[in-house]
């Protein structure tokens, strides 16, 4: 009986010592989580959709929406270069002068200038695609709004 009691005391003492040692240890830091990085193609699709929405907003004179969509396109240009600095296909800086002209047309609420500047932006997109080796992706001035005719859209392009 004495031996069993001694063994139990020794086991309890060891367990208590182990718990104290474990309490002093700091947990390992959680591994850093990788943030989501969209594929370059995804950024281009967003840019193309923004291009479309920008056209339609300008066509109906919704200048706040046109300005918003141009801002989003510019952000995509910056993001593409920042996220893919070593990929020549991500350098869309050639679009910046056309985007500047378009921004001025929007600010002036000048429909005629908007149409001309939008055509420059569209050409800049297509020139960039040619230079990047994806000239088979052609951007054009939209003819019809799938967003306006979509049963899933509640966005008002007229601004009303």
Protein backbone atom coordinates (compact mmCIF):
# COMPACT_ATOMS: atom_id res chain seq x y z
CA UNK A 1 0.00 0.00 0.00
CA UNK A 2 2.75 2.41 0.84
CA UNK A 3 4.42 1.77 -2.50
CA UNK A 4 1.24 2.46 -4.43
CA UNK A 5 0.77 5.67 -2.46
CA UNK A 6 4.37 6.74 -3.25
CA UNK A 7 3.85 6.02 -6.94
CA UNK A 8 0.63 8.06 -6.94
CA UNK A 9 2.37 11.00 -5.24
CA UNK A 10 5.26 10.87 -7.70
CA UNK A 11 2.86 10.75 -10.68
CA UNK A 12 0.84 13.66 -9.28
CA UNK A 13 3.99 15.70 -8.68
CA UNK A 14 5.24 15.02 -12.21
CA UNK A 15 1.89 15.99 -13.67
CA UNK A 16 1.79 19.22 -11.66
CA UNK A 17 5.32 20.10 -12.77
CA UNK A 18 4.44 19.41 -16.39
CA UNK A 19 1.35 21.62 -16.23
CA UNK A 20 3.39 24.49 -14.81
CA UNK A 21 5.96 24.08 -17.57
CA UNK A 22 3.24 23.99 -20.22
CA UNK A 23 1.66 27.14 -18.79
CA UNK A 24 4.94 29.04 -19.31
CA UNK A 25 5.17 28.04 -22.98
CA UNK A 26 3.66 30.44 -25.47
CA UNK A 27 1.60 28.96 -28.24
CA UNK A 28 3.20 29.00 -31.63
CA UNK A 29 2.09 31.96 -33.70
CA UNK A 30 -0.57 31.18 -36.26
CA UNK A 31 0.83 30.94 -39.75
CA UNK A 32 0.38 34.13 -41.72
CA UNK A 33 -2.65 33.86 -43.90
CA UNK A 34 -2.18 34.51 -47.56
CA UNK A 35 -4.61 37.11 -48.85
CA UNK A 36 -6.62 36.47 -51.95
CA UNK A 37 -4.89 37.64 -55.09
CA UNK A 38 -7.19 37.84 -58.08
CA UNK A 39 -5.88 36.41 -61.32
CA UNK A 40 -4.88 38.96 -63.94
CA UNK A 41 -7.71 37.62 -66.10
CA UNK A 42 -10.19 38.41 -63.31
CA UNK A 43 -8.97 41.99 -63.14
CA UNK A 44 -9.34 42.26 -66.90
CA UNK A 45 -12.90 40.93 -66.78
CA UNK A 46 -13.74 43.52 -64.12
CA UNK A 47 -12.14 46.19 -66.28
CA UNK A 48 -14.13 45.07 -69.31
CA UNK A 49 -17.39 45.13 -67.34
CA UNK A 50 -16.47 48.57 -66.00
CA UNK A 51 -15.72 49.71 -69.57
CA UNK A 52 -19.18 48.60 -70.58
CA UNK A 53 -20.89 50.27 -67.62
CA UNK A 54 -18.84 53.42 -68.17
CA UNK A 55 -20.07 53.64 -71.75
CA UNK A 56 -23.68 53.20 -70.82
CA UNK A 57 -23.50 55.70 -67.97
CA UNK A 58 -22.00 58.26 -70.36
CA UNK A 59 -24.58 57.45 -73.03
CA UNK A 60 -27.45 58.32 -70.66
CA UNK A 61 -25.60 61.22 -69.00
CA UNK A 62 -25.26 59.66 -65.55
CA UNK A 63 -21.99 61.48 -64.85
CA UNK A 64 -21.58 60.36 -61.21
CA UNK A 65 -21.82 56.70 -62.31
CA UNK A 66 -19.49 57.34 -65.25
CA UNK A 67 -16.95 58.91 -62.89
CA UNK A 68 -17.29 55.98 -60.49
CA UNK A 69 -16.74 53.39 -63.22
CA UNK A 70 -13.71 55.27 -64.59
CA UNK A 71 -12.29 55.37 -61.06
CA UNK A 72 -12.75 51.59 -60.81
CA UNK A 73 -11.01 51.05 -64.15
CA UNK A 74 -8.09 53.20 -63.02
CA UNK A 75 -7.88 51.19 -59.78
CA UNK A 76 -7.78 47.95 -61.78
CA UNK A 77 -4.92 49.36 -63.86
CA UNK A 78 -2.97 50.14 -60.69
CA UNK A 79 -3.82 46.80 -59.06
CA UNK A 80 -2.78 44.78 -62.10
CA UNK A 81 0.67 46.36 -62.14
CA UNK A 82 1.05 46.13 -58.35
CA UNK A 83 -0.04 42.50 -58.12
CA UNK A 84 1.80 41.32 -61.23
CA UNK A 85 4.89 43.56 -61.48
CA UNK A 86 6.91 40.99 -63.46
CA UNK A 87 4.19 40.28 -66.02
CA UNK A 88 4.34 42.50 -69.11
CA UNK A 89 0.64 41.82 -69.68
CA UNK A 90 -0.18 43.73 -66.48
CA UNK A 91 1.25 47.06 -67.66
CA UNK A 92 -1.78 49.00 -68.77
CA UNK A 93 -0.18 52.40 -68.28
CA UNK A 94 -0.72 53.18 -71.98
CA UNK A 95 -4.39 53.57 -71.09
CA UNK A 96 -3.71 56.45 -68.69
CA UNK A 97 -3.75 59.33 -71.22
CA UNK A 98 -7.07 58.16 -72.65
CA UNK A 99 -8.45 57.73 -69.12
CA UNK A 100 -7.34 61.29 -68.28
CA UNK A 101 -9.15 62.68 -71.35
CA UNK A 102 -12.22 60.68 -70.45
CA UNK A 103 -12.12 61.98 -66.87
CA UNK A 104 -12.08 65.55 -68.17
CA UNK A 105 -15.06 64.85 -70.43
CA UNK A 106 -16.99 63.38 -67.52
CA UNK A 107 -16.13 66.29 -65.25
CA UNK A 108 -17.31 68.71 -67.95
CA UNK A 109 -20.43 66.58 -68.58
CA UNK A 110 -19.57 66.84 -72.28
CA UNK A 111 -21.29 64.03 -74.18
CA UNK A 112 -19.51 64.67 -77.49
CA UNK A 113 -16.09 64.73 -75.85
CA UNK A 114 -17.05 61.64 -73.83
CA UNK A 115 -17.74 59.68 -77.04
CA UNK A 116 -14.37 60.69 -78.53
CA UNK A 117 -12.45 59.99 -75.32
CA UNK A 118 -14.22 56.68 -74.82
CA UNK A 119 -13.16 55.64 -78.33
CA UNK A 120 -9.55 56.50 -77.40
CA UNK A 121 -9.81 54.40 -74.26
CA UNK A 122 -11.25 51.50 -76.22
CA UNK A 123 -8.41 51.75 -78.76
CA UNK A 124 -5.88 51.88 -75.93
CA UNK A 125 -7.36 48.66 -74.52
CA UNK A 126 -7.10 46.94 -77.88
CA UNK A 127 -3.55 48.22 -78.47
CA UNK A 128 -2.56 46.87 -75.06
CA UNK A 129 -4.07 43.49 -75.93
CA UNK A 130 -2.12 43.41 -79.21
CA UNK A 131 1.13 44.28 -77.42
CA UNK A 132 0.48 41.60 -74.80
CA UNK A 133 -0.11 38.92 -77.42
CA UNK A 134 -3.83 38.59 -76.76
CA UNK A 135 -5.06 40.65 -79.70
CA UNK A 136 -7.87 38.16 -80.20
CA UNK A 137 -9.53 39.84 -77.21
CA UNK A 138 -11.16 42.86 -78.82
CA UNK A 139 -12.96 45.49 -76.82
CA UNK A 140 -15.64 47.50 -78.57
CA UNK A 141 -18.17 50.19 -77.89
CA UNK A 142 -21.26 48.43 -76.49
CA UNK A 143 -24.45 48.36 -78.54
CA UNK A 144 -26.92 47.12 -75.95
CA UNK A 145 -26.93 46.98 -72.19
CA UNK A 146 -27.25 43.47 -70.79
CA UNK A 147 -27.21 45.06 -67.35
CA UNK A 148 -30.16 47.34 -68.10
CA UNK A 149 -32.13 44.47 -69.62
CA UNK A 150 -31.11 41.92 -66.98
CA UNK A 151 -33.84 40.77 -64.60
CA UNK A 152 -31.16 40.72 -61.87
CA UNK A 153 -30.19 44.38 -62.13
CA UNK A 154 -31.68 47.08 -59.95
CA UNK A 155 -29.09 49.64 -60.96
CA UNK A 156 -30.47 52.78 -62.54
CA UNK A 157 -28.26 54.06 -65.30
CA UNK A 158 -30.37 57.15 -65.81
CA UNK A 159 -29.43 58.40 -62.34
CA UNK A 160 -33.08 58.71 -61.33
